[in-house]
N, C-alpha and C. Protein backbone atom coordinates (compact mmCIF):
# COMPACT_ATOMS: atom_id res chain seq x y z
N UNK A 1 54.34 -41.87 60.04
CA UNK A 1 54.75 -40.60 60.65
C UNK A 1 53.64 -39.57 60.43
N UNK A 2 53.25 -38.94 61.47
CA UNK A 2 52.18 -37.95 61.41
C UNK A 2 52.74 -36.59 61.00
N UNK A 3 51.98 -35.86 60.20
CA UNK A 3 52.43 -34.52 59.81
C UNK A 3 51.67 -33.45 60.59
N UNK A 4 51.10 -33.83 61.73
CA UNK A 4 50.42 -32.86 62.57
C UNK A 4 51.43 -32.03 63.35
N UNK A 5 51.10 -30.77 63.54
CA UNK A 5 51.97 -29.86 64.28
C UNK A 5 51.56 -29.87 65.74
N UNK A 6 52.52 -30.10 66.63
CA UNK A 6 52.23 -30.10 68.06
C UNK A 6 51.88 -28.68 68.49
N UNK A 7 50.81 -28.57 69.25
CA UNK A 7 50.37 -27.27 69.70
C UNK A 7 50.13 -27.32 71.20
N UNK A 8 50.56 -26.29 71.90
CA UNK A 8 50.42 -26.24 73.35
C UNK A 8 49.17 -25.47 73.79
N UNK A 9 48.22 -25.30 72.89
CA UNK A 9 47.02 -24.52 73.18
C UNK A 9 46.13 -25.23 74.20
N UNK A 10 45.77 -24.51 75.25
CA UNK A 10 44.84 -25.01 76.25
C UNK A 10 43.73 -23.98 76.39
N UNK A 11 42.52 -24.32 76.00
CA UNK A 11 41.44 -23.33 76.05
C UNK A 11 41.08 -22.97 77.48
N UNK A 12 40.75 -21.71 77.72
CA UNK A 12 40.33 -21.30 79.06
C UNK A 12 38.95 -21.88 79.38
N UNK A 13 38.65 -21.92 80.67
CA UNK A 13 37.41 -22.57 81.08
C UNK A 13 36.26 -21.60 81.35
N UNK A 14 36.54 -20.31 81.39
CA UNK A 14 35.43 -19.38 81.64
C UNK A 14 35.74 -17.99 81.11
N UNK A 15 34.71 -17.16 81.07
CA UNK A 15 34.85 -15.82 80.50
C UNK A 15 35.80 -14.95 81.29
N UNK A 16 35.95 -15.19 82.57
CA UNK A 16 36.81 -14.32 83.37
C UNK A 16 38.27 -14.40 82.92
N UNK A 17 38.63 -15.47 82.21
CA UNK A 17 39.99 -15.55 81.68
C UNK A 17 40.21 -14.51 80.59
N UNK A 18 39.12 -14.00 80.00
CA UNK A 18 39.21 -13.04 78.92
C UNK A 18 38.73 -11.66 79.30
N UNK A 19 37.65 -11.61 80.05
CA UNK A 19 36.92 -10.36 80.21
C UNK A 19 36.51 -10.20 81.67
N UNK A 20 37.12 -9.23 82.32
CA UNK A 20 36.73 -8.90 83.69
C UNK A 20 36.12 -7.50 83.62
N UNK A 21 34.81 -7.42 83.71
CA UNK A 21 34.15 -6.13 83.51
C UNK A 21 34.41 -5.14 84.64
N UNK A 22 34.44 -3.91 84.28
CA UNK A 22 34.51 -2.82 85.24
C UNK A 22 33.19 -2.81 86.00
N UNK A 23 33.18 -2.43 87.27
CA UNK A 23 31.93 -2.43 88.04
C UNK A 23 30.79 -1.64 87.38
N UNK A 24 31.12 -0.63 86.59
CA UNK A 24 30.09 0.19 85.95
C UNK A 24 29.81 -0.26 84.51
N UNK A 25 30.41 -1.36 84.08
CA UNK A 25 30.22 -1.84 82.71
C UNK A 25 28.81 -2.37 82.51
N UNK A 26 28.35 -2.29 81.27
CA UNK A 26 27.04 -2.83 80.94
C UNK A 26 27.12 -3.64 79.66
N UNK A 27 25.97 -4.05 79.15
CA UNK A 27 25.95 -4.89 77.95
C UNK A 27 26.56 -4.18 76.73
N UNK A 28 26.51 -2.85 76.71
CA UNK A 28 27.10 -2.12 75.58
C UNK A 28 28.62 -2.28 75.57
N UNK A 29 29.22 -2.30 76.75
CA UNK A 29 30.67 -2.53 76.82
C UNK A 29 31.01 -3.93 76.31
N UNK A 30 30.21 -4.90 76.69
CA UNK A 30 30.43 -6.27 76.24
C UNK A 30 30.24 -6.36 74.72
N UNK A 31 29.28 -5.61 74.18
CA UNK A 31 29.08 -5.61 72.73
C UNK A 31 30.29 -5.02 72.01
N UNK A 32 30.89 -3.98 72.59
CA UNK A 32 32.10 -3.41 72.00
C UNK A 32 33.23 -4.43 71.96
N UNK A 33 33.39 -5.18 73.06
CA UNK A 33 34.43 -6.20 73.11
C UNK A 33 34.15 -7.28 72.06
N UNK A 34 32.89 -7.71 71.96
CA UNK A 34 32.53 -8.73 70.98
C UNK A 34 32.80 -8.23 69.56
N UNK A 35 32.46 -6.98 69.27
CA UNK A 35 32.70 -6.42 67.95
C UNK A 35 34.19 -6.44 67.60
N UNK A 36 35.03 -6.03 68.53
CA UNK A 36 36.48 -6.02 68.29
C UNK A 36 37.02 -7.43 68.09
N UNK A 37 36.52 -8.40 68.86
CA UNK A 37 36.96 -9.78 68.69
C UNK A 37 36.55 -10.33 67.33
N UNK A 38 35.33 -10.03 66.91
CA UNK A 38 34.86 -10.48 65.60
C UNK A 38 35.69 -9.86 64.49
N UNK A 39 35.97 -8.58 64.60
CA UNK A 39 36.79 -7.90 63.61
C UNK A 39 38.17 -8.55 63.52
N UNK A 40 38.77 -8.83 64.67
CA UNK A 40 40.07 -9.48 64.69
C UNK A 40 40.03 -10.87 64.09
N UNK A 41 38.96 -11.62 64.37
CA UNK A 41 38.83 -12.97 63.81
C UNK A 41 38.69 -12.92 62.30
N UNK A 42 37.95 -11.95 61.80
CA UNK A 42 37.82 -11.80 60.35
C UNK A 42 39.16 -11.49 59.71
N UNK A 43 39.95 -10.62 60.33
CA UNK A 43 41.27 -10.28 59.80
C UNK A 43 42.19 -11.50 59.78
N UNK A 44 42.14 -12.30 60.82
CA UNK A 44 42.97 -13.52 60.87
C UNK A 44 42.53 -14.49 59.78
N UNK A 45 41.23 -14.59 59.57
CA UNK A 45 40.71 -15.47 58.53
C UNK A 45 41.23 -15.05 57.15
N UNK A 46 41.19 -13.76 56.86
CA UNK A 46 41.68 -13.25 55.58
C UNK A 46 43.19 -13.51 55.45
N UNK A 47 43.93 -13.23 56.52
CA UNK A 47 45.38 -13.44 56.49
C UNK A 47 45.71 -14.91 56.26
N UNK A 48 44.96 -15.80 56.88
CA UNK A 48 45.19 -17.23 56.70
C UNK A 48 44.94 -17.65 55.25
N UNK A 49 43.84 -17.18 54.68
CA UNK A 49 43.52 -17.53 53.30
C UNK A 49 44.58 -17.02 52.33
N UNK A 50 45.16 -15.86 52.62
CA UNK A 50 46.16 -15.29 51.73
C UNK A 50 47.49 -16.05 51.77
N UNK A 51 47.63 -16.98 52.66
CA UNK A 51 48.83 -17.81 52.74
C UNK A 51 48.81 -18.95 51.73
N UNK A 52 47.73 -19.04 50.95
CA UNK A 52 47.58 -20.09 49.96
C UNK A 52 47.56 -19.49 48.56
N UNK A 53 48.23 -20.18 47.65
CA UNK A 53 48.21 -19.78 46.24
C UNK A 53 47.05 -20.51 45.58
N UNK A 54 46.21 -19.77 44.87
CA UNK A 54 45.04 -20.34 44.19
C UNK A 54 44.10 -21.06 45.17
N UNK A 55 44.13 -20.67 46.41
CA UNK A 55 43.21 -21.23 47.40
C UNK A 55 43.54 -22.60 47.93
N UNK A 56 44.60 -23.25 47.40
CA UNK A 56 44.88 -24.61 47.89
C UNK A 56 46.36 -24.96 48.02
N UNK A 57 47.27 -24.16 47.50
CA UNK A 57 48.70 -24.47 47.58
C UNK A 57 49.35 -23.58 48.64
N UNK A 58 49.84 -24.19 49.70
CA UNK A 58 50.44 -23.46 50.81
C UNK A 58 51.73 -22.78 50.36
N UNK A 59 51.83 -21.47 50.61
CA UNK A 59 53.00 -20.71 50.17
C UNK A 59 53.99 -20.42 51.30
N UNK A 60 53.63 -20.70 52.53
CA UNK A 60 54.50 -20.40 53.66
C UNK A 60 54.60 -21.62 54.57
N UNK A 61 55.41 -21.49 55.61
CA UNK A 61 55.60 -22.57 56.58
C UNK A 61 54.27 -22.91 57.25
N UNK A 62 53.97 -24.19 57.33
CA UNK A 62 52.71 -24.65 57.93
C UNK A 62 52.56 -24.23 59.38
N UNK A 63 53.67 -24.02 60.07
CA UNK A 63 53.59 -23.60 61.48
C UNK A 63 52.94 -22.22 61.60
N UNK A 64 53.17 -21.37 60.63
CA UNK A 64 52.54 -20.05 60.64
C UNK A 64 51.03 -20.20 60.51
N UNK A 65 50.59 -21.07 59.63
CA UNK A 65 49.16 -21.33 59.46
C UNK A 65 48.58 -21.90 60.76
N UNK A 66 49.30 -22.82 61.37
CA UNK A 66 48.83 -23.42 62.62
C UNK A 66 48.67 -22.35 63.69
N UNK A 67 49.61 -21.42 63.77
CA UNK A 67 49.52 -20.34 64.75
C UNK A 67 48.34 -19.42 64.46
N UNK A 68 48.09 -19.14 63.19
CA UNK A 68 46.93 -18.33 62.82
C UNK A 68 45.63 -19.03 63.21
N UNK A 69 45.58 -20.32 63.00
CA UNK A 69 44.38 -21.08 63.35
C UNK A 69 44.17 -21.08 64.86
N UNK A 70 45.23 -21.22 65.61
CA UNK A 70 45.12 -21.16 67.08
C UNK A 70 44.62 -19.79 67.51
N UNK A 71 45.15 -18.74 66.90
CA UNK A 71 44.70 -17.38 67.22
C UNK A 71 43.22 -17.20 66.89
N UNK A 72 42.81 -17.72 65.75
CA UNK A 72 41.41 -17.64 65.36
C UNK A 72 40.53 -18.43 66.34
N UNK A 73 40.95 -19.62 66.70
CA UNK A 73 40.20 -20.44 67.65
C UNK A 73 40.06 -19.71 68.99
N UNK A 74 41.12 -19.09 69.45
CA UNK A 74 41.08 -18.35 70.70
C UNK A 74 40.06 -17.21 70.63
N UNK A 75 40.10 -16.45 69.55
CA UNK A 75 39.14 -15.35 69.39
C UNK A 75 37.71 -15.86 69.35
N UNK A 76 37.48 -16.97 68.64
CA UNK A 76 36.13 -17.53 68.58
C UNK A 76 35.65 -17.97 69.96
N UNK A 77 36.52 -18.55 70.75
CA UNK A 77 36.15 -18.95 72.10
C UNK A 77 35.88 -17.73 72.98
N UNK A 78 36.65 -16.68 72.78
CA UNK A 78 36.40 -15.44 73.52
C UNK A 78 35.04 -14.86 73.14
N UNK A 79 34.73 -14.89 71.86
CA UNK A 79 33.43 -14.39 71.39
C UNK A 79 32.31 -15.22 72.01
N UNK A 80 32.48 -16.52 72.02
CA UNK A 80 31.48 -17.41 72.60
C UNK A 80 31.22 -17.07 74.07
N UNK A 81 32.26 -16.72 74.79
CA UNK A 81 32.12 -16.40 76.21
C UNK A 81 31.49 -15.03 76.45
N UNK A 82 31.76 -14.07 75.57
CA UNK A 82 31.29 -12.71 75.80
C UNK A 82 29.86 -12.48 75.31
N UNK A 83 29.39 -13.26 74.35
CA UNK A 83 28.05 -13.03 73.78
C UNK A 83 26.92 -13.04 74.81
N UNK A 84 26.90 -13.98 75.76
CA UNK A 84 25.82 -13.91 76.75
C UNK A 84 25.83 -12.61 77.56
N UNK A 85 27.01 -12.07 77.80
CA UNK A 85 27.09 -10.80 78.51
C UNK A 85 26.63 -9.64 77.64
N UNK A 86 26.92 -9.74 76.35
CA UNK A 86 26.60 -8.65 75.43
C UNK A 86 25.10 -8.55 75.13
N UNK A 87 24.42 -9.68 75.18
CA UNK A 87 23.00 -9.67 74.80
C UNK A 87 22.10 -10.21 75.91
N UNK A 88 22.62 -10.18 77.13
CA UNK A 88 21.83 -10.66 78.26
C UNK A 88 20.94 -9.57 78.82
N UNK A 89 20.80 -9.56 80.08
CA UNK A 89 19.88 -8.66 80.76
C UNK A 89 20.39 -7.22 80.83
N UNK A 90 21.56 -6.98 80.36
CA UNK A 90 22.14 -5.65 80.46
C UNK A 90 23.15 -5.56 81.59
N UNK A 91 23.21 -6.57 82.43
CA UNK A 91 24.18 -6.63 83.50
C UNK A 91 25.37 -7.44 83.05
N UNK A 92 26.56 -6.95 83.31
CA UNK A 92 27.77 -7.65 82.90
C UNK A 92 28.40 -8.32 84.09
C-alpha cells in the first residue's frame, strides 16, 4: 500500500497562464511580480518547515504539507516563467 497523497496538480504550459502584461508594462513590472512570487515562496517554505518538530517529526496532517508543497511548486514555476520577462530586453 502506497502512502503517497493523490494530487490533482497540473502545471500550466506557459507564462500567459500566470502573467498577462498590461500593454504599457515593462521589465520593471515583471521584476515586481517575480519579487512578490519569491517572497511568497519563501514564506511557504518557512511555514512548511514549521510543521515539523525538531526538523523531522511531522506535527500536522500530511495533506497540509502536501498542499504547501504544491503551492510552493506552483510559485516556483511561476517564477521560472516570469524571469525571462523580468531580465530580458525590457519588453514584456
